[in-house]
Amino acid sequence: MIYYVQTSSATTPALGLGIPVISYNGALISSYPSGERLFHNPIKQEVARQVMQLCRERQWYIQTYINDVLYVKEIDKRAELYARITGAKPIPVGERLYTMLGAPTKMLAIAEPGEIELLKEGFHTQLGNVLCIAESTPNYLEINDPAVNKGAALRFVASRLNINRQEIMTFGNGINDIEMFSYSGWGVAVSNAPSAVKNLVTGSNDEEGVADVIEKYVLS
């Protein structure tokens, strides 16, 4: 049997399932629908402070999730677009963003595709190995604790549910899905994913590619 493990915060209440949900690039695993936290590995507060200081100095856009709340400096076009895509409600806090207390579950830097490599190089040069930096889209850099990735989170879920990794099917569309694909027995990328993550490929997210694979390999 092949198992499909959900890796976003969305699921279907009508199924009546109590399932673990992996979110924030693997930094948080909670049980749906109870909301019980099963695993949480936030960025250390001192490291987050250094990230904020660097972004402030270089005028890089940064936003942060603390206790499941999204904080931004101001509601600009980038914050508005992110809110439309994710459904998250950004809370503007002005300059206080750079000095907020609390350990962030995830931080997100946003830049134009041509500038992302510059940001990535800057974070690696200034902060070394104290961060996990994953490019989830051409203009998003997901920032987490260095021990965090979707593959490690999937390993936690598989161990908790006593599921063999070869029985797991995962779907993704970004560079930050590579560790998850490597761990699972079946890693499926949608056709509009970057070439670096493609192994078994299905149609795009607009072409019901996930449903096609499930029907072909799971339900047949």
N, C-alpha and C. Protein backbone atom coordinates (compact mmCIF):
# COMPACT_ATOMS: atom_id res chain seq x y z
N MET A 1 0.85 -1.20 0.00
CA MET A 1 0.00 0.00 0.00
C MET A 1 0.88 1.24 0.00
N ILE A 2 0.44 2.28 -0.68
CA ILE A 2 1.17 3.55 -0.74
C ILE A 2 0.42 4.58 0.09
N TYR A 3 1.13 5.28 0.95
CA TYR A 3 0.52 6.30 1.77
C TYR A 3 0.85 7.68 1.23
N TYR A 4 -0.11 8.55 1.26
CA TYR A 4 0.11 9.94 0.87
C TYR A 4 0.12 10.79 2.12
N VAL A 5 1.18 11.52 2.37
CA VAL A 5 1.30 12.35 3.55
C VAL A 5 1.13 13.81 3.15
N GLN A 6 0.15 14.48 3.73
CA GLN A 6 -0.13 15.88 3.43
C GLN A 6 0.97 16.75 4.01
N THR A 7 1.47 17.71 3.23
CA THR A 7 2.55 18.57 3.72
C THR A 7 2.18 20.04 3.71
N SER A 8 0.92 20.36 3.64
CA SER A 8 0.49 21.74 3.78
C SER A 8 -0.47 21.82 4.95
N SER A 9 -1.01 23.00 5.20
CA SER A 9 -1.91 23.14 6.34
C SER A 9 -3.35 22.84 5.95
N ALA A 10 -3.60 22.47 4.70
CA ALA A 10 -4.96 22.22 4.25
C ALA A 10 -5.30 20.74 4.30
N THR A 11 -6.54 20.44 4.67
CA THR A 11 -7.03 19.07 4.62
C THR A 11 -8.54 19.12 4.55
N THR A 12 -9.20 17.97 4.52
CA THR A 12 -10.64 17.93 4.32
C THR A 12 -11.34 17.41 5.55
N PRO A 13 -12.09 18.26 6.29
CA PRO A 13 -12.78 17.82 7.49
C PRO A 13 -13.77 16.69 7.21
N ALA A 14 -14.34 16.65 6.00
CA ALA A 14 -15.35 15.65 5.68
C ALA A 14 -14.80 14.23 5.75
N LEU A 15 -13.47 14.08 5.65
CA LEU A 15 -12.88 12.75 5.70
C LEU A 15 -12.89 12.18 7.12
N GLY A 16 -13.03 13.05 8.12
CA GLY A 16 -13.05 12.57 9.48
C GLY A 16 -11.74 11.99 9.95
N LEU A 17 -10.61 12.46 9.40
CA LEU A 17 -9.31 11.89 9.71
C LEU A 17 -8.59 12.74 10.75
N GLY A 18 -7.93 12.08 11.70
CA GLY A 18 -7.03 12.75 12.60
C GLY A 18 -5.62 12.52 12.09
N ILE A 19 -5.03 13.48 11.45
CA ILE A 19 -3.75 13.27 10.77
C ILE A 19 -2.72 14.31 11.18
N PRO A 20 -1.44 13.95 11.12
CA PRO A 20 -0.39 14.93 11.38
C PRO A 20 -0.20 15.83 10.16
N VAL A 21 -0.06 17.11 10.40
CA VAL A 21 0.12 18.09 9.32
C VAL A 21 1.50 18.73 9.46
N ILE A 22 2.30 18.63 8.41
CA ILE A 22 3.63 19.23 8.39
C ILE A 22 3.51 20.64 7.81
N SER A 23 4.01 21.64 8.52
CA SER A 23 3.93 23.01 8.03
C SER A 23 5.23 23.75 8.34
N TYR A 24 5.33 24.97 7.82
CA TYR A 24 6.52 25.81 8.01
C TYR A 24 7.79 25.10 7.57
N ASN A 25 7.71 24.43 6.42
CA ASN A 25 8.87 23.76 5.84
C ASN A 25 9.39 22.62 6.71
N GLY A 26 8.53 22.13 7.62
CA GLY A 26 8.92 21.02 8.48
C GLY A 26 9.24 21.43 9.90
N ALA A 27 9.13 22.72 10.23
CA ALA A 27 9.46 23.18 11.58
C ALA A 27 8.35 22.89 12.58
N LEU A 28 7.14 22.69 12.11
CA LEU A 28 6.01 22.44 13.00
C LEU A 28 5.18 21.29 12.47
N ILE A 29 4.88 20.34 13.34
CA ILE A 29 3.98 19.24 13.01
C ILE A 29 2.88 19.24 14.05
N SER A 30 1.65 19.35 13.60
CA SER A 30 0.51 19.37 14.51
C SER A 30 -0.53 18.36 14.07
N SER A 31 -1.37 17.99 15.00
CA SER A 31 -2.41 17.01 14.71
C SER A 31 -3.69 17.72 14.28
N TYR A 32 -4.24 17.28 13.17
CA TYR A 32 -5.50 17.86 12.68
C TYR A 32 -6.62 16.88 12.99
N PRO A 33 -7.77 17.32 13.50
CA PRO A 33 -8.18 18.72 13.68
C PRO A 33 -7.93 19.29 15.08
N SER A 34 -7.32 18.55 16.00
CA SER A 34 -7.19 19.00 17.38
C SER A 34 -6.25 20.20 17.52
N GLY A 35 -5.24 20.31 16.62
CA GLY A 35 -4.27 21.38 16.73
C GLY A 35 -3.14 21.08 17.70
N GLU A 36 -3.13 19.89 18.29
CA GLU A 36 -2.07 19.51 19.22
C GLU A 36 -0.71 19.55 18.53
N ARG A 37 0.26 20.18 19.18
CA ARG A 37 1.61 20.23 18.62
C ARG A 37 2.34 18.92 18.91
N LEU A 38 2.80 18.28 17.87
CA LEU A 38 3.54 17.04 18.00
C LEU A 38 5.05 17.28 17.95
N PHE A 39 5.45 18.34 17.25
CA PHE A 39 6.86 18.65 17.06
C PHE A 39 6.98 20.13 16.73
N HIS A 40 7.97 20.80 17.31
CA HIS A 40 8.18 22.22 17.00
C HIS A 40 9.66 22.52 17.18
N ASN A 41 10.29 23.03 16.14
CA ASN A 41 11.71 23.37 16.19
C ASN A 41 11.90 24.77 15.60
N PRO A 42 11.70 25.81 16.42
CA PRO A 42 11.82 27.18 15.91
C PRO A 42 13.27 27.63 15.78
N ILE A 43 13.45 28.77 15.15
CA ILE A 43 14.76 29.40 15.06
C ILE A 43 15.12 29.98 16.43
N LYS A 44 16.34 29.81 16.85
CA LYS A 44 16.77 30.37 18.13
C LYS A 44 16.63 31.89 18.09
N GLN A 45 16.20 32.46 19.21
CA GLN A 45 15.89 33.88 19.24
C GLN A 45 17.11 34.73 18.89
N GLU A 46 18.29 34.35 19.36
CA GLU A 46 19.50 35.13 19.07
C GLU A 46 19.83 35.08 17.58
N VAL A 47 19.62 33.92 16.96
CA VAL A 47 19.87 33.79 15.52
C VAL A 47 18.87 34.65 14.75
N ALA A 48 17.60 34.61 15.16
CA ALA A 48 16.57 35.42 14.51
C ALA A 48 16.92 36.91 14.60
N ARG A 49 17.48 37.31 15.74
CA ARG A 49 17.88 38.71 15.90
C ARG A 49 18.97 39.09 14.89
N GLN A 50 19.91 38.17 14.65
CA GLN A 50 20.97 38.43 13.68
C GLN A 50 20.41 38.51 12.25
N VAL A 51 19.44 37.66 11.94
CA VAL A 51 18.80 37.71 10.63
C VAL A 51 18.12 39.06 10.43
N MET A 52 17.39 39.51 11.44
CA MET A 52 16.70 40.79 11.36
C MET A 52 17.68 41.95 11.21
N GLN A 53 18.78 41.90 11.94
CA GLN A 53 19.77 42.97 11.86
C GLN A 53 20.36 43.04 10.46
N LEU A 54 20.67 41.88 9.88
CA LEU A 54 21.23 41.85 8.53
C LEU A 54 20.24 42.40 7.51
N CYS A 55 18.98 41.99 7.62
CA CYS A 55 17.96 42.46 6.67
C CYS A 55 17.70 43.96 6.82
N ARG A 56 17.77 44.44 8.05
CA ARG A 56 17.57 45.87 8.28
C ARG A 56 18.71 46.67 7.66
N GLU A 57 19.95 46.20 7.86
CA GLU A 57 21.12 46.90 7.33
C GLU A 57 21.11 46.95 5.81
N ARG A 58 20.71 45.82 5.18
CA ARG A 58 20.77 45.73 3.72
C ARG A 58 19.44 46.03 3.04
N GLN A 59 18.46 46.39 3.87
CA GLN A 59 17.12 46.74 3.37
C GLN A 59 16.50 45.59 2.56
N TRP A 60 16.66 44.37 3.06
CA TRP A 60 16.03 43.20 2.47
C TRP A 60 14.67 43.00 3.11
N TYR A 61 13.72 42.58 2.30
CA TYR A 61 12.38 42.31 2.83
C TYR A 61 12.41 41.03 3.65
N ILE A 62 11.85 41.08 4.85
CA ILE A 62 11.78 39.90 5.71
C ILE A 62 10.44 39.92 6.46
N GLN A 63 9.89 38.75 6.69
CA GLN A 63 8.70 38.61 7.52
C GLN A 63 8.89 37.38 8.41
N THR A 64 8.15 37.32 9.49
CA THR A 64 8.41 36.28 10.47
C THR A 64 7.12 35.71 11.06
N TYR A 65 7.14 34.40 11.32
CA TYR A 65 6.04 33.73 12.00
C TYR A 65 6.45 33.43 13.44
N ILE A 66 5.75 34.00 14.41
CA ILE A 66 5.98 33.71 15.82
C ILE A 66 4.64 33.27 16.43
N ASN A 67 4.64 32.07 17.01
CA ASN A 67 3.42 31.52 17.60
C ASN A 67 2.25 31.53 16.62
N ASP A 68 2.55 31.14 15.39
CA ASP A 68 1.55 30.99 14.34
C ASP A 68 0.94 32.31 13.89
N VAL A 69 1.59 33.42 14.17
CA VAL A 69 1.14 34.74 13.72
C VAL A 69 2.20 35.29 12.76
N LEU A 70 1.75 35.82 11.62
CA LEU A 70 2.65 36.38 10.62
C LEU A 70 2.82 37.88 10.86
N TYR A 71 4.07 38.31 11.09
CA TYR A 71 4.38 39.71 11.31
C TYR A 71 5.19 40.27 10.14
N VAL A 72 4.83 41.47 9.71
CA VAL A 72 5.53 42.17 8.64
C VAL A 72 5.79 43.61 9.10
N LYS A 73 6.70 44.27 8.41
CA LYS A 73 6.97 45.67 8.75
C LYS A 73 5.78 46.54 8.36
N GLU A 74 5.26 46.34 7.15
CA GLU A 74 4.14 47.12 6.64
C GLU A 74 3.40 46.30 5.59
N ILE A 75 2.20 46.70 5.30
CA ILE A 75 1.41 46.02 4.28
C ILE A 75 1.74 46.64 2.92
N ASP A 76 2.76 46.11 2.28
CA ASP A 76 3.12 46.58 0.95
C ASP A 76 2.71 45.53 -0.08
N LYS A 77 3.14 45.69 -1.32
CA LYS A 77 2.72 44.77 -2.38
C LYS A 77 3.17 43.34 -2.12
N ARG A 78 4.36 43.19 -1.54
CA ARG A 78 4.87 41.84 -1.27
C ARG A 78 4.04 41.15 -0.19
N ALA A 79 3.72 41.89 0.86
CA ALA A 79 2.90 41.31 1.93
C ALA A 79 1.49 41.00 1.42
N GLU A 80 0.94 41.88 0.61
CA GLU A 80 -0.40 41.66 0.06
C GLU A 80 -0.43 40.43 -0.84
N LEU A 81 0.56 40.28 -1.70
CA LEU A 81 0.60 39.13 -2.60
C LEU A 81 0.76 37.84 -1.81
N TYR A 82 1.65 37.83 -0.82
CA TYR A 82 1.84 36.64 0.00
C TYR A 82 0.54 36.27 0.72
N ALA A 83 -0.17 37.27 1.21
CA ALA A 83 -1.44 37.01 1.90
C ALA A 83 -2.47 36.41 0.96
N ARG A 84 -2.52 36.88 -0.28
CA ARG A 84 -3.47 36.34 -1.25
C ARG A 84 -3.12 34.89 -1.59
N ILE A 85 -1.84 34.60 -1.73
CA ILE A 85 -1.42 33.25 -2.12
C ILE A 85 -1.64 32.25 -0.99
N THR A 86 -1.31 32.64 0.24
CA THR A 86 -1.33 31.69 1.36
C THR A 86 -2.58 31.76 2.23
N GLY A 87 -3.28 32.87 2.19
CA GLY A 87 -4.42 33.04 3.08
C GLY A 87 -4.03 33.51 4.47
N ALA A 88 -2.73 33.70 4.71
CA ALA A 88 -2.26 34.19 6.01
C ALA A 88 -2.57 35.68 6.15
N LYS A 89 -2.86 36.10 7.38
CA LYS A 89 -3.16 37.50 7.64
C LYS A 89 -1.93 38.18 8.23
N PRO A 90 -1.25 39.05 7.47
CA PRO A 90 -0.05 39.71 8.00
C PRO A 90 -0.40 40.82 8.99
N ILE A 91 0.36 40.88 10.07
CA ILE A 91 0.18 41.92 11.09
C ILE A 91 1.34 42.91 10.99
N PRO A 92 1.07 44.17 10.59
CA PRO A 92 2.15 45.15 10.46
C PRO A 92 2.56 45.69 11.83
N VAL A 93 3.88 45.73 12.08
CA VAL A 93 4.37 46.22 13.37
C VAL A 93 5.45 47.29 13.21
N GLY A 94 5.69 47.75 12.00
CA GLY A 94 6.67 48.80 11.78
C GLY A 94 8.08 48.36 12.12
N GLU A 95 8.87 49.29 12.64
CA GLU A 95 10.27 49.02 12.97
C GLU A 95 10.41 47.99 14.09
N ARG A 96 9.35 47.77 14.84
CA ARG A 96 9.40 46.78 15.93
C ARG A 96 9.64 45.37 15.40
N LEU A 97 9.39 45.16 14.08
CA LEU A 97 9.62 43.85 13.48
C LEU A 97 11.05 43.38 13.73
N TYR A 98 12.01 44.31 13.72
CA TYR A 98 13.42 43.94 13.79
C TYR A 98 13.90 43.63 15.21
N THR A 99 13.06 43.90 16.21
CA THR A 99 13.47 43.68 17.60
C THR A 99 12.46 42.84 18.38
N MET A 100 11.56 42.17 17.69
CA MET A 100 10.52 41.40 18.38
C MET A 100 11.14 40.24 19.17
N LEU A 101 10.55 39.95 20.31
CA LEU A 101 10.97 38.82 21.12
C LEU A 101 10.22 37.57 20.67
N GLY A 102 10.78 36.43 21.00
CA GLY A 102 10.15 35.17 20.61
C GLY A 102 10.97 34.45 19.57
N ALA A 103 10.86 33.13 19.57
CA ALA A 103 11.60 32.29 18.62
C ALA A 103 10.70 32.01 17.42
N PRO A 104 11.05 32.50 16.24
CA PRO A 104 10.20 32.31 15.06
C PRO A 104 10.19 30.85 14.59
N THR A 105 9.02 30.38 14.22
CA THR A 105 8.93 29.06 13.60
C THR A 105 9.57 29.10 12.22
N LYS A 106 9.34 30.19 11.50
CA LYS A 106 9.92 30.38 10.18
C LYS A 106 10.04 31.86 9.89
N MET A 107 11.05 32.22 9.11
CA MET A 107 11.17 33.57 8.59
C MET A 107 11.21 33.45 7.07
N LEU A 108 10.78 34.49 6.38
CA LEU A 108 10.72 34.43 4.93
C LEU A 108 11.26 35.73 4.34
N ALA A 109 12.28 35.59 3.50
CA ALA A 109 12.81 36.73 2.76
C ALA A 109 12.23 36.69 1.35
N ILE A 110 11.84 37.83 0.83
CA ILE A 110 11.24 37.92 -0.50
C ILE A 110 12.03 38.92 -1.33
N ALA A 111 12.36 38.52 -2.55
CA ALA A 111 13.10 39.40 -3.47
C ALA A 111 12.79 38.99 -4.89
N GLU A 112 13.21 39.81 -5.84
CA GLU A 112 13.07 39.45 -7.24
C GLU A 112 13.96 38.25 -7.54
N PRO A 113 13.55 37.38 -8.50
CA PRO A 113 14.34 36.18 -8.80
C PRO A 113 15.82 36.45 -9.02
N GLY A 114 16.17 37.54 -9.66
CA GLY A 114 17.58 37.84 -9.90
C GLY A 114 18.35 38.24 -8.66
N GLU A 115 17.63 38.58 -7.58
CA GLU A 115 18.28 39.02 -6.35
C GLU A 115 18.35 37.93 -5.29
N ILE A 116 17.61 36.84 -5.49
CA ILE A 116 17.55 35.80 -4.47
C ILE A 116 18.91 35.19 -4.17
N GLU A 117 19.71 34.95 -5.21
CA GLU A 117 21.03 34.38 -4.99
C GLU A 117 21.91 35.31 -4.15
N LEU A 118 21.74 36.63 -4.33
CA LEU A 118 22.49 37.59 -3.54
C LEU A 118 22.12 37.48 -2.07
N LEU A 119 20.82 37.35 -1.79
CA LEU A 119 20.36 37.20 -0.41
C LEU A 119 20.88 35.89 0.19
N LYS A 120 20.78 34.83 -0.58
CA LYS A 120 21.21 33.52 -0.09
C LYS A 120 22.70 33.55 0.26
N GLU A 121 23.50 34.15 -0.62
CA GLU A 121 24.93 34.24 -0.37
C GLU A 121 25.21 35.09 0.87
N GLY A 122 24.45 36.16 1.03
CA GLY A 122 24.64 37.03 2.19
C GLY A 122 24.33 36.33 3.50
N PHE A 123 23.24 35.58 3.53
CA PHE A 123 22.88 34.84 4.74
C PHE A 123 23.95 33.79 5.07
N HIS A 124 24.41 33.06 4.06
CA HIS A 124 25.42 32.03 4.30
C HIS A 124 26.74 32.64 4.76
N THR A 125 27.13 33.76 4.17
CA THR A 125 28.40 34.39 4.53
C THR A 125 28.36 34.94 5.95
N GLN A 126 27.27 35.58 6.32
CA GLN A 126 27.19 36.25 7.62
C GLN A 126 26.81 35.31 8.75
N LEU A 127 26.01 34.29 8.46
CA LEU A 127 25.46 33.47 9.54
C LEU A 127 25.89 32.01 9.48
N GLY A 128 26.68 31.65 8.48
CA GLY A 128 27.26 30.32 8.45
C GLY A 128 26.24 29.20 8.49
N ASN A 129 26.44 28.26 9.45
CA ASN A 129 25.61 27.06 9.51
C ASN A 129 24.49 27.14 10.55
N VAL A 130 24.14 28.33 10.99
CA VAL A 130 23.12 28.45 12.04
C VAL A 130 21.71 28.56 11.46
N LEU A 131 21.58 28.45 10.13
CA LEU A 131 20.28 28.54 9.48
C LEU A 131 20.12 27.44 8.45
N CYS A 132 18.87 27.06 8.21
CA CYS A 132 18.52 26.29 7.02
C CYS A 132 17.82 27.25 6.07
N ILE A 133 18.38 27.44 4.88
CA ILE A 133 17.82 28.38 3.91
C ILE A 133 17.40 27.60 2.68
N ALA A 134 16.11 27.63 2.37
CA ALA A 134 15.59 26.85 1.24
C ALA A 134 14.83 27.77 0.30
N GLU A 135 15.10 27.62 -0.97
CA GLU A 135 14.42 28.41 -2.00
C GLU A 135 13.14 27.68 -2.40
N SER A 136 11.99 28.17 -1.92
CA SER A 136 10.73 27.48 -2.20
C SER A 136 10.11 27.91 -3.52
N THR A 137 10.36 29.15 -3.93
CA THR A 137 9.95 29.65 -5.24
C THR A 137 11.09 30.55 -5.73
N PRO A 138 11.06 30.98 -6.99
CA PRO A 138 12.16 31.83 -7.48
C PRO A 138 12.37 33.12 -6.71
N ASN A 139 11.38 33.56 -5.92
CA ASN A 139 11.57 34.80 -5.17
C ASN A 139 11.31 34.67 -3.67
N TYR A 140 11.24 33.42 -3.14
CA TYR A 140 11.05 33.20 -1.71
C TYR A 140 12.22 32.41 -1.14
N LEU A 141 12.79 32.89 -0.03
CA LEU A 141 13.78 32.14 0.74
C LEU A 141 13.18 31.80 2.09
N GLU A 142 12.96 30.53 2.33
CA GLU A 142 12.42 30.05 3.60
C GLU A 142 13.58 29.89 4.57
N ILE A 143 13.47 30.48 5.75
CA ILE A 143 14.54 30.46 6.74
C ILE A 143 14.06 29.72 7.98
N ASN A 144 14.79 28.66 8.35
CA ASN A 144 14.43 27.83 9.49
C ASN A 144 15.67 27.49 10.31
N ASP A 145 15.44 26.82 11.43
CA ASP A 145 16.53 26.24 12.19
C ASP A 145 17.29 25.25 11.30
N PRO A 146 18.60 25.10 11.46
CA PRO A 146 19.37 24.22 10.56
C PRO A 146 18.95 22.76 10.56
N ALA A 147 18.28 22.30 11.61
CA ALA A 147 17.85 20.90 11.67
C ALA A 147 16.53 20.67 10.95
N VAL A 148 15.92 21.73 10.45
CA VAL A 148 14.58 21.64 9.87
C VAL A 148 14.61 21.42 8.37
N ASN A 149 13.84 20.45 7.90
CA ASN A 149 13.51 20.30 6.48
C ASN A 149 12.34 19.33 6.38
N LYS A 150 11.70 19.27 5.25
CA LYS A 150 10.51 18.43 5.10
C LYS A 150 10.83 16.94 5.20
N GLY A 151 12.04 16.56 4.80
CA GLY A 151 12.42 15.15 4.91
C GLY A 151 12.51 14.71 6.35
N ALA A 152 13.13 15.54 7.22
CA ALA A 152 13.23 15.23 8.64
C ALA A 152 11.84 15.17 9.28
N ALA A 153 10.97 16.09 8.88
CA ALA A 153 9.61 16.08 9.42
C ALA A 153 8.85 14.84 8.99
N LEU A 154 9.03 14.44 7.75
CA LEU A 154 8.37 13.24 7.25
C LEU A 154 8.88 12.00 7.98
N ARG A 155 10.17 11.96 8.28
CA ARG A 155 10.75 10.85 9.04
C ARG A 155 10.09 10.76 10.43
N PHE A 156 9.86 11.91 11.06
CA PHE A 156 9.21 11.95 12.37
C PHE A 156 7.80 11.37 12.28
N VAL A 157 7.04 11.80 11.26
CA VAL A 157 5.66 11.32 11.09
C VAL A 157 5.65 9.83 10.81
N ALA A 158 6.54 9.37 9.93
CA ALA A 158 6.59 7.95 9.58
C ALA A 158 6.89 7.09 10.80
N SER A 159 7.82 7.56 11.63
CA SER A 159 8.16 6.82 12.84
C SER A 159 6.98 6.79 13.81
N ARG A 160 6.30 7.90 13.95
CA ARG A 160 5.16 7.98 14.87
C ARG A 160 4.02 7.06 14.43
N LEU A 161 3.82 6.95 13.11
CA LEU A 161 2.73 6.13 12.58
C LEU A 161 3.18 4.72 12.21
N ASN A 162 4.48 4.46 12.41
CA ASN A 162 5.05 3.14 12.10
C ASN A 162 4.82 2.77 10.63
N ILE A 163 5.18 3.71 9.75
CA ILE A 163 5.03 3.51 8.30
C ILE A 163 6.43 3.39 7.68
N ASN A 164 6.62 2.38 6.86
CA ASN A 164 7.88 2.21 6.15
C ASN A 164 8.02 3.32 5.11
N ARG A 165 9.22 3.89 5.00
CA ARG A 165 9.43 5.01 4.08
C ARG A 165 9.12 4.64 2.63
N GLN A 166 9.30 3.37 2.27
CA GLN A 166 9.02 2.93 0.90
C GLN A 166 7.53 2.92 0.60
N GLU A 167 6.69 3.06 1.63
CA GLU A 167 5.24 3.07 1.43
C GLU A 167 4.66 4.48 1.39
N ILE A 168 5.55 5.48 1.36
CA ILE A 168 5.11 6.87 1.42
C ILE A 168 5.19 7.51 0.03
N MET A 169 4.12 8.20 -0.35
CA MET A 169 4.11 8.99 -1.59
C MET A 169 4.00 10.46 -1.21
N THR A 170 4.86 11.29 -1.77
CA THR A 170 4.83 12.72 -1.50
C THR A 170 4.73 13.50 -2.81
N PHE A 171 4.17 14.69 -2.72
CA PHE A 171 4.03 15.56 -3.88
C PHE A 171 4.63 16.92 -3.55
N GLY A 172 5.30 17.54 -4.52
CA GLY A 172 5.87 18.85 -4.27
C GLY A 172 6.19 19.58 -5.55
N ASN A 173 6.61 20.85 -5.38
CA ASN A 173 6.89 21.67 -6.56
C ASN A 173 8.05 22.64 -6.36
N GLY A 174 8.85 22.43 -5.29
CA GLY A 174 9.91 23.39 -5.02
C GLY A 174 11.21 22.75 -4.60
N ILE A 175 12.26 23.56 -4.60
CA ILE A 175 13.58 23.10 -4.18
C ILE A 175 13.54 22.59 -2.74
N ASN A 176 12.70 23.20 -1.91
CA ASN A 176 12.63 22.78 -0.51
C ASN A 176 11.89 21.45 -0.33
N ASP A 177 11.49 20.81 -1.43
CA ASP A 177 10.87 19.48 -1.35
C ASP A 177 11.87 18.35 -1.59
N ILE A 178 13.13 18.68 -1.92
CA ILE A 178 14.09 17.66 -2.31
C ILE A 178 14.34 16.65 -1.19
N GLU A 179 14.54 17.11 0.04
CA GLU A 179 14.77 16.19 1.16
C GLU A 179 13.57 15.28 1.40
N MET A 180 12.38 15.82 1.21
CA MET A 180 11.16 15.04 1.36
C MET A 180 11.08 13.95 0.30
N PHE A 181 11.41 14.31 -0.95
CA PHE A 181 11.42 13.32 -2.03
C PHE A 181 12.46 12.23 -1.76
N SER A 182 13.62 12.63 -1.24
CA SER A 182 14.69 11.68 -0.99
C SER A 182 14.29 10.66 0.07
N TYR A 183 13.52 11.10 1.06
CA TYR A 183 13.13 10.19 2.13
C TYR A 183 12.01 9.25 1.71
N SER A 184 11.06 9.74 0.94
CA SER A 184 9.87 8.94 0.62
C SER A 184 10.16 7.93 -0.49
N GLY A 185 9.37 6.87 -0.50
CA GLY A 185 9.52 5.86 -1.54
C GLY A 185 9.10 6.37 -2.91
N TRP A 186 8.09 7.22 -2.92
CA TRP A 186 7.57 7.79 -4.17
C TRP A 186 7.55 9.31 -4.03
N GLY A 187 8.47 9.98 -4.71
CA GLY A 187 8.49 11.43 -4.71
C GLY A 187 8.02 11.94 -6.06
N VAL A 188 6.92 12.66 -6.07
CA VAL A 188 6.29 13.09 -7.32
C VAL A 188 6.32 14.62 -7.41
N ALA A 189 6.93 15.14 -8.47
CA ALA A 189 6.95 16.57 -8.73
C ALA A 189 5.92 16.91 -9.80
N VAL A 190 5.24 18.04 -9.63
CA VAL A 190 4.33 18.50 -10.68
C VAL A 190 5.15 19.04 -11.83
N SER A 191 4.56 19.08 -13.01
CA SER A 191 5.32 19.38 -14.23
C SER A 191 5.89 20.78 -14.26
N ASN A 192 5.29 21.72 -13.52
CA ASN A 192 5.81 23.08 -13.50
C ASN A 192 6.80 23.32 -12.37
N ALA A 193 7.31 22.24 -11.76
CA ALA A 193 8.35 22.36 -10.73
C ALA A 193 9.71 22.58 -11.39
N PRO A 194 10.68 23.13 -10.65
CA PRO A 194 12.03 23.28 -11.20
C PRO A 194 12.62 21.92 -11.58
N SER A 195 13.48 21.89 -12.59
CA SER A 195 14.03 20.64 -13.07
C SER A 195 14.83 19.90 -12.01
N ALA A 196 15.40 20.63 -11.05
CA ALA A 196 16.23 20.00 -10.01
C ALA A 196 15.44 19.06 -9.11
N VAL A 197 14.11 19.22 -9.05
CA VAL A 197 13.33 18.39 -8.13
C VAL A 197 12.58 17.28 -8.85
N LYS A 198 12.71 17.20 -10.16
CA LYS A 198 11.89 16.27 -10.93
C LYS A 198 12.49 14.88 -10.96
N ASN A 199 11.67 13.91 -10.61
CA ASN A 199 12.00 12.48 -10.73
C ASN A 199 10.81 11.84 -11.42
N LEU A 200 9.84 11.38 -10.65
CA LEU A 200 8.56 10.99 -11.21
C LEU A 200 7.74 12.26 -11.35
N VAL A 201 7.24 12.54 -12.56
CA VAL A 201 6.59 13.81 -12.83
C VAL A 201 5.13 13.58 -13.21
N THR A 202 4.26 14.47 -12.74
CA THR A 202 2.86 14.44 -13.11
C THR A 202 2.47 15.80 -13.66
N GLY A 203 1.19 15.99 -13.98
CA GLY A 203 0.72 17.26 -14.51
C GLY A 203 0.87 18.37 -13.48
N SER A 204 0.71 19.60 -13.93
CA SER A 204 0.86 20.74 -13.03
C SER A 204 -0.27 20.77 -12.02
N ASN A 205 -0.14 21.68 -11.05
CA ASN A 205 -1.18 21.82 -10.04
C ASN A 205 -2.48 22.33 -10.64
N ASP A 206 -2.43 22.92 -11.83
CA ASP A 206 -3.65 23.38 -12.51
C ASP A 206 -4.28 22.29 -13.38
N GLU A 207 -3.59 21.16 -13.50
CA GLU A 207 -4.06 20.07 -14.36
C GLU A 207 -4.43 18.81 -13.58
N GLU A 208 -4.67 18.99 -12.26
CA GLU A 208 -5.05 17.86 -11.39
C GLU A 208 -4.00 16.75 -11.43
N GLY A 209 -2.72 17.17 -11.45
CA GLY A 209 -1.63 16.20 -11.53
C GLY A 209 -1.57 15.26 -10.35
N VAL A 210 -1.84 15.76 -9.14
CA VAL A 210 -1.82 14.91 -7.95
C VAL A 210 -2.88 13.82 -8.05
N ALA A 211 -4.08 14.21 -8.45
CA ALA A 211 -5.17 13.23 -8.59
C ALA A 211 -4.83 12.16 -9.63
N ASP A 212 -4.18 12.57 -10.70
CA ASP A 212 -3.81 11.59 -11.75
C ASP A 212 -2.88 10.51 -11.21
N VAL A 213 -1.89 10.92 -10.42
CA VAL A 213 -0.94 9.93 -9.88
C VAL A 213 -1.62 9.01 -8.87
N ILE A 214 -2.46 9.58 -8.00
CA ILE A 214 -3.16 8.76 -7.02
C ILE A 214 -4.03 7.74 -7.70
N GLU A 215 -4.75 8.17 -8.73
CA GLU A 215 -5.63 7.23 -9.47
C GLU A 215 -4.83 6.13 -10.16
N LYS A 216 -3.67 6.50 -10.70
CA LYS A 216 -2.87 5.54 -11.47
C LYS A 216 -2.13 4.54 -10.59
N TYR A 217 -1.51 5.04 -9.49
CA TYR A 217 -0.63 4.19 -8.71
C TYR A 217 -1.21 3.72 -7.37
N VAL A 218 -2.23 4.44 -6.85
CA VAL A 218 -2.77 4.08 -5.55
C VAL A 218 -4.11 3.39 -5.65
N LEU A 219 -5.00 3.91 -6.49
CA LEU A 219 -6.36 3.40 -6.55
C LEU A 219 -6.55 2.30 -7.61
N SER A 220 -5.60 2.15 -8.50
CA SER A 220 -5.77 1.17 -9.58
C SER A 220 -5.47 -0.24 -9.08
